[in-house]
Amino acid sequence: MPAGIGIGLAALGRPGYINLGHAQDLGADYCVTAMQDNAHAVLDAAWRQGVRYFDAARSYGRAEEFLASWIRDRGFSSDEFRVGSKWGYTYTADWAVDVRGGTQHEVKEHSLEKLEQQYAISQQHFGDHLTLYQIHSATLDSGVLDNEPVLKRLNELKRTGIEIGLSVSGERQSEVIEKAIGIAFDGARLFDSVQATWNLLERSAEAALAMAAESGMAVIVKESLANGRLTVRNKAESFAGGRDVLNSIAKELDATWDAIAIAAAMNQPWATTVLSGAASVAHLDSNLKARDIVWTDDLEQRLQTVSQRAEEYWQQRSDLAWN
């Protein structure tokens, strides 16, 4: 059975993001009220169409605030859907798109102090609605998976009933996933889920994600559209071959690139949830048409031809402009 679709709020909660055409999606209107109204409209559309998982992070600007205010305004109870958030990055762009003078959009810190600080804020926003709390972009370099005080604190939170997860990113995703699978307290695995980048361009973590699923972890797929590179906005000359493949399949199926790419992620045997990162209702509606695509072995094989080497993929991602 295909994975479900959730909503990731990375592009909804802050004016600047690396998705191709993000400024266009927001109409270049970065007023907080306008952005909150847009976020609520996307969340309303998602709810009406059966989406029941919503994913935020402390570093997604005001994403937690927008999601929490939507929950309050609509009067939802805590058992009507699942909410996940993340700790480990702090939003530092001060609502700017073009940051200058050495300022960054977000700053990473995987300390116990940052966990305590950010978990308290997330709890203030969501209370009992917070189902899953994740390390944001756990890496081997950050050392967070060797930080005993942090791991013990996460295990304490798990004992209160909240699920514990981690998100991963970069060329070494697989190594981080494999390490996380083996972390346990009193014989019980610490991590309930992993959120990883997988898409038609970047498939390198497939074996590790299969291992995670076999161990009992839920697998949440992020960046299934490769930050817009798996949409018709990708005009790069280097993607001419991939464009031909996607155009051919889109014509056969009467479907859009984004729906095809999300359907590909949904139909991976290890996937539990695939996130739509839509920043507008129109794009969400298009993304959700992935559920109408009947997946076949032929589609899977043809689409494997568009994949890239991991190092090439991550280099191109790092070159994407905030907009």
Protein backbone atom coordinates (compact mmCIF):
# COMPACT_ATOMS: atom_id res chain seq x y z
CA MET A 1 0.00 0.00 0.00
CA PRO A 2 1.44 3.44 -0.88
CA ALA A 3 2.66 5.75 1.86
CA GLY A 4 0.50 8.61 3.08
CA ILE A 5 1.13 12.28 2.36
CA GLY A 6 1.97 14.85 5.03
CA ILE A 7 2.65 18.58 4.93
CA GLY A 8 6.10 20.00 5.68
CA LEU A 9 6.04 23.67 6.64
CA ALA A 10 9.61 24.65 5.69
CA ALA A 11 8.35 26.81 2.81
CA LEU A 12 5.27 28.14 4.62
CA GLY A 13 6.82 29.52 7.79
CA ARG A 14 9.47 31.95 6.59
CA PRO A 15 9.87 34.37 3.67
CA GLY A 16 13.14 32.92 2.42
CA TYR A 17 13.72 29.33 1.32
CA ILE A 18 15.72 27.46 -1.34
CA ASN A 19 12.79 26.02 -3.32
CA LEU A 20 12.81 27.12 -6.96
CA GLY A 21 10.17 29.84 -7.34
CA HIS A 22 9.51 30.24 -3.62
CA ALA A 23 9.09 34.01 -3.95
CA GLN A 24 6.58 33.45 -6.73
CA ASP A 25 4.61 31.01 -4.55
CA LEU A 26 4.30 33.65 -1.83
CA GLY A 27 3.55 36.46 -4.25
CA ALA A 28 6.57 38.21 -2.72
CA ASP A 29 4.24 39.26 0.11
CA TYR A 30 6.17 38.67 3.31
CA CYS A 31 3.82 40.36 5.75
CA VAL A 32 3.47 38.04 8.74
CA THR A 33 -0.33 38.20 8.61
CA ALA A 34 -0.40 37.43 4.90
CA MET A 35 1.97 34.50 5.34
CA GLN A 36 -0.06 33.14 8.23
CA ASP A 37 -3.25 33.41 6.19
CA ASN A 38 -1.56 31.57 3.32
CA ALA A 39 -0.28 28.85 5.65
CA HIS A 40 -3.75 28.40 7.12
CA ALA A 41 -5.26 28.17 3.64
CA VAL A 42 -2.79 25.42 2.66
CA LEU A 43 -3.42 23.58 5.94
CA ASP A 44 -7.20 23.85 5.45
CA ALA A 45 -6.89 22.45 1.92
CA ALA A 46 -4.68 19.63 3.17
CA TRP A 47 -7.11 18.75 5.95
CA ARG A 48 -10.08 18.71 3.57
CA GLN A 49 -8.19 16.30 1.32
CA GLY A 50 -7.30 13.85 4.05
CA VAL A 51 -3.80 14.89 5.10
CA ARG A 52 -3.23 13.97 8.73
CA TYR A 53 0.46 14.60 9.41
CA PHE A 54 1.99 18.07 9.76
CA ASP A 55 5.73 18.64 10.14
CA ALA A 56 7.43 21.78 11.44
CA ALA A 57 10.73 22.81 13.07
CA ARG A 58 12.02 25.53 15.34
CA SER A 59 14.10 26.91 12.46
CA TYR A 60 11.22 27.24 10.00
CA GLY A 61 10.61 30.88 10.92
CA ARG A 62 7.09 31.10 12.35
CA ALA A 63 5.99 27.66 11.15
CA GLU A 64 5.25 26.36 14.63
CA GLU A 65 3.27 29.50 15.43
CA PHE A 66 1.28 29.28 12.19
CA LEU A 67 0.50 25.60 12.70
CA ALA A 68 -0.38 26.07 16.37
CA SER A 69 -2.70 29.02 15.64
CA TRP A 70 -4.43 26.98 12.92
CA ILE A 71 -5.00 24.13 15.37
CA ARG A 72 -6.42 26.54 17.95
CA ASP A 73 -8.58 28.46 15.48
CA ARG A 74 -10.11 25.28 14.07
CA GLY A 75 -10.62 23.70 17.49
CA PHE A 76 -8.95 20.40 16.65
CA SER A 77 -8.47 17.81 19.36
CA SER A 78 -5.12 16.08 19.82
CA ASP A 79 -6.32 12.77 18.37
CA GLU A 80 -7.42 14.10 14.97
CA PHE A 81 -3.95 14.17 13.36
CA ARG A 82 -0.23 13.94 14.08
CA VAL A 83 2.17 16.84 14.58
CA GLY A 84 5.94 16.55 14.33
CA SER A 85 8.55 19.19 15.02
CA LYS A 86 12.33 19.38 15.28
CA TRP A 87 15.06 20.89 17.43
CA GLY A 88 18.68 21.71 16.73
CA TYR A 89 18.55 24.73 14.42
CA THR A 90 17.71 28.32 15.37
CA TYR A 91 16.12 30.67 12.84
CA THR A 92 18.35 33.75 12.55
CA ALA A 93 17.26 35.51 9.34
CA ASP A 94 15.00 38.01 11.17
CA TRP A 95 12.29 37.63 8.51
CA ALA A 96 14.66 38.62 5.70
CA VAL A 97 15.04 36.83 2.38
CA ASP A 98 18.46 38.19 1.45
CA VAL A 99 20.62 38.02 4.57
CA ARG A 100 23.91 39.90 4.54
CA GLY A 101 26.88 40.82 6.64
CA GLY A 102 27.70 37.27 7.67
CA THR A 103 24.19 36.55 8.97
CA GLN A 104 22.84 33.08 8.27
CA HIS A 105 19.28 31.89 7.76
CA GLU A 106 19.66 29.31 10.51
CA VAL A 107 22.32 28.18 12.96
CA LYS A 108 22.84 24.57 14.04
CA GLU A 109 23.46 23.51 17.64
CA HIS A 110 22.85 20.01 18.95
CA SER A 111 23.54 20.67 22.62
CA LEU A 112 21.49 19.54 25.61
CA GLU A 113 20.80 23.19 26.42
CA LYS A 114 19.38 23.79 22.94
CA LEU A 115 17.22 20.67 23.19
CA GLU A 116 15.76 21.80 26.51
CA GLN A 117 15.18 25.34 25.28
CA GLN A 118 13.55 24.41 21.99
CA TYR A 119 11.48 21.52 23.34
CA ALA A 120 9.97 23.89 25.91
CA ILE A 121 8.95 26.30 23.16
CA SER A 122 7.51 23.54 20.96
CA GLN A 123 5.53 22.28 23.94
CA GLN A 124 4.17 25.77 24.56
CA HIS A 125 2.94 25.89 20.98
CA PHE A 126 1.48 22.41 20.67
CA GLY A 127 0.95 20.81 24.07
CA ASP A 128 -0.68 17.40 23.66
CA HIS A 129 -0.83 17.84 19.88
CA LEU A 130 2.95 17.28 19.63
CA THR A 131 3.28 13.63 18.64
CA LEU A 132 6.85 13.40 17.32
CA TYR A 133 9.98 15.34 18.28
CA GLN A 134 13.01 14.98 16.00
CA ILE A 135 16.68 15.89 15.96
CA HIS A 136 16.96 18.32 13.06
CA SER A 137 19.56 17.16 10.53
CA ALA A 138 21.55 14.77 12.66
CA THR A 139 25.02 14.26 11.21
CA LEU A 140 28.14 12.38 12.19
CA ASP A 141 30.03 15.68 12.34
CA SER A 142 27.68 17.23 14.89
CA GLY A 143 28.29 14.34 17.26
CA VAL A 144 24.70 14.35 18.45
CA LEU A 145 24.36 10.57 18.17
CA ASP A 146 27.31 10.19 20.55
CA ASN A 147 26.09 12.83 23.00
CA GLU A 148 24.96 10.73 25.95
CA PRO A 149 23.25 13.56 27.90
CA VAL A 150 21.18 14.45 24.81
CA LEU A 151 20.30 10.83 24.07
CA LYS A 152 19.32 10.17 27.67
CA ARG A 153 17.12 13.27 27.71
CA LEU A 154 15.43 12.16 24.50
CA ASN A 155 14.80 8.78 26.08
CA GLU A 156 13.24 10.51 29.09
CA LEU A 157 10.93 12.42 26.75
CA LYS A 158 10.05 9.19 25.02
CA ARG A 159 8.95 7.72 28.34
CA THR A 160 6.40 10.54 28.65
CA GLY A 161 4.67 9.20 25.53
CA ILE A 162 6.13 11.39 22.79
CA GLU A 163 7.79 9.66 19.83
CA ILE A 164 11.44 10.44 19.13
CA GLY A 165 12.88 10.76 15.64
CA LEU A 166 15.70 12.28 13.66
CA SER A 167 16.03 13.92 10.28
CA VAL A 168 19.10 13.40 8.13
CA SER A 169 20.66 15.18 5.19
CA GLY A 170 23.70 15.11 2.96
CA GLU A 171 25.87 12.51 1.27
CA ARG A 172 26.31 10.50 4.49
CA GLN A 173 22.62 10.03 5.28
CA SER A 174 22.96 6.25 5.14
CA GLU A 175 25.71 6.15 7.75
CA VAL A 176 23.70 8.30 10.14
CA ILE A 177 20.58 6.16 9.68
CA GLU A 178 22.50 2.96 10.33
CA LYS A 179 24.05 4.43 13.47
CA ALA A 180 20.66 5.63 14.73
CA ILE A 181 19.09 2.19 14.28
CA GLY A 182 21.54 0.76 16.81
CA ILE A 183 20.96 3.31 19.60
CA ALA A 184 18.93 1.74 22.40
CA PHE A 185 18.16 2.10 26.10
CA ASP A 186 17.38 -0.99 28.14
CA GLY A 187 17.13 -3.01 24.96
CA ALA A 188 14.57 -0.70 23.34
CA ARG A 189 15.45 1.32 20.22
CA LEU A 190 15.48 5.07 20.95
CA PHE A 191 14.34 6.36 17.57
CA ASP A 192 10.80 5.73 16.40
CA SER A 193 11.27 7.36 13.01
CA VAL A 194 13.73 8.79 10.53
CA GLN A 195 13.06 11.65 8.12
CA ALA A 196 15.37 11.52 5.11
CA THR A 197 15.86 13.06 1.69
CA TRP A 198 14.82 10.68 -1.05
CA ASN A 199 13.73 11.59 -4.53
CA LEU A 200 14.16 10.52 -8.13
CA LEU A 201 17.48 12.37 -8.27
CA GLU A 202 18.90 11.27 -4.89
CA ARG A 203 18.29 7.59 -4.13
CA SER A 204 21.49 6.80 -2.22
CA ALA A 205 19.82 6.17 1.15
CA GLU A 206 17.43 3.46 -0.10
CA ALA A 207 19.19 0.49 1.52
CA ALA A 208 19.53 2.26 4.87
CA LEU A 209 15.89 3.34 4.80
CA ALA A 210 14.87 -0.25 4.11
CA MET A 211 16.93 -1.29 7.15
CA ALA A 212 15.21 1.37 9.25
CA ALA A 213 11.78 0.16 8.18
CA GLU A 214 12.73 -3.46 8.87
CA SER A 215 13.82 -2.44 12.38
CA GLY A 216 10.37 -0.99 13.04
CA MET A 217 11.09 2.69 12.42
CA ALA A 218 8.66 4.85 10.46
CA VAL A 219 10.24 6.47 7.40
CA ILE A 220 9.26 10.03 6.51
CA VAL A 221 10.44 11.22 3.08
CA LYS A 222 11.37 14.88 2.72
CA GLU A 223 12.40 16.85 -0.36
CA SER A 224 10.62 14.45 -2.71
CA LEU A 225 10.58 17.26 -5.30
CA ALA A 226 14.28 18.08 -4.77
CA ASN A 227 13.48 21.68 -3.78
CA GLY A 228 11.70 22.24 -7.10
CA ARG A 229 14.22 20.51 -9.33
CA LEU A 230 11.62 17.81 -10.02
CA THR A 231 9.09 20.33 -11.25
CA VAL A 232 8.82 22.09 -14.61
CA ARG A 233 10.59 25.05 -13.01
CA ASN A 234 13.86 23.18 -13.50
CA LYS A 235 15.23 24.68 -16.72
CA ALA A 236 18.84 23.58 -16.17
CA GLU A 237 20.58 22.45 -19.35
CA SER A 238 22.20 19.63 -17.39
CA PHE A 239 18.74 18.15 -16.73
CA ALA A 240 17.74 17.85 -20.39
CA GLY A 241 17.72 14.05 -20.29
CA GLY A 242 15.67 13.91 -17.11
CA ARG A 243 13.27 16.45 -18.55
CA ASP A 244 12.69 14.25 -21.58
CA VAL A 245 11.92 11.23 -19.39
CA LEU A 246 9.54 13.14 -17.14
CA ASN A 247 7.81 14.86 -20.05
CA SER A 248 7.24 11.52 -21.76
CA ILE A 249 5.76 9.91 -18.66
CA ALA A 250 3.71 12.99 -17.81
CA LYS A 251 2.15 12.90 -21.28
CA GLU A 252 1.35 9.19 -21.01
CA LEU A 253 -0.24 9.54 -17.57
CA ASP A 254 -1.77 13.00 -18.08
CA ALA A 255 0.03 13.96 -14.89
CA THR A 256 2.41 16.66 -13.67
CA TRP A 257 6.07 16.16 -12.81
CA ASP A 258 5.45 16.87 -9.15
CA ALA A 259 2.70 14.27 -8.88
CA ILE A 260 4.91 11.69 -10.57
CA ALA A 261 7.86 12.43 -8.27
CA ILE A 262 5.73 12.24 -5.12
CA ALA A 263 4.07 9.04 -6.34
CA ALA A 264 7.55 7.55 -6.81
CA ALA A 265 8.36 8.24 -3.16
CA MET A 266 4.98 7.01 -1.95
CA ASN A 267 5.49 3.68 -3.69
CA GLN A 268 8.86 2.86 -2.19
CA PRO A 269 8.25 -0.23 -0.03
CA TRP A 270 9.92 1.26 3.05
CA ALA A 271 8.14 4.65 3.00
CA THR A 272 5.55 5.54 5.66
CA THR A 273 4.84 9.22 4.91
CA VAL A 274 5.91 11.53 2.08
CA LEU A 275 5.96 15.26 2.77
CA SER A 276 4.55 17.82 0.40
CA GLY A 277 6.39 21.08 0.83
CA ALA A 278 3.76 23.09 -1.02
CA ALA A 279 3.71 26.82 -0.35
CA SER A 280 0.38 27.43 -2.10
CA VAL A 281 -2.99 25.71 -2.36
CA ALA A 282 -2.55 25.26 -6.12
CA HIS A 283 0.70 23.41 -5.69
CA LEU A 284 -0.72 21.31 -2.86
CA ASP A 285 -3.64 20.28 -5.06
CA SER A 286 -1.19 19.29 -7.78
CA ASN A 287 1.01 17.35 -5.32
CA LEU A 288 -1.95 15.40 -3.96
CA LYS A 289 -2.77 14.09 -7.43
CA ALA A 290 0.12 11.69 -6.80
CA ARG A 291 -2.45 9.54 -5.04
CA ASP A 292 -4.22 8.95 -8.36
CA ILE A 293 -1.17 7.50 -10.13
CA VAL A 294 -1.12 3.72 -10.44
CA TRP A 295 2.48 2.68 -9.90
CA THR A 296 4.07 0.02 -12.09
CA ASP A 297 7.44 -1.69 -12.39
CA ASP A 298 7.82 -0.06 -15.79
CA LEU A 299 7.48 3.43 -14.30
CA GLU A 300 9.96 2.58 -11.57
CA GLN A 301 12.55 1.34 -14.03
CA ARG A 302 12.19 4.24 -16.43
CA LEU A 303 12.45 6.82 -13.68
CA GLN A 304 15.59 5.29 -12.24
CA THR A 305 17.40 6.73 -15.26
CA VAL A 306 17.08 10.32 -13.96
CA SER A 307 19.03 9.72 -10.76
CA GLN A 308 22.31 11.49 -10.01
CA ARG A 309 25.42 10.69 -8.03
CA ALA A 310 24.87 11.76 -4.43
CA GLU A 311 27.79 14.17 -4.40
CA GLU A 312 26.50 15.88 -7.54
CA TYR A 313 23.01 16.16 -6.09
CA TRP A 314 24.13 17.69 -2.79
CA GLN A 315 26.50 20.12 -4.50
CA GLN A 316 23.66 21.38 -6.68
CA ARG A 317 21.43 21.68 -3.64
CA SER A 318 24.01 23.74 -1.81
CA ASP A 319 24.14 26.11 -4.81
CA LEU A 320 20.39 26.84 -4.73
CA ALA A 321 19.61 30.48 -3.95
CA TRP A 322 17.40 31.54 -1.06
CA ASN A 323 14.42 33.40 -2.53
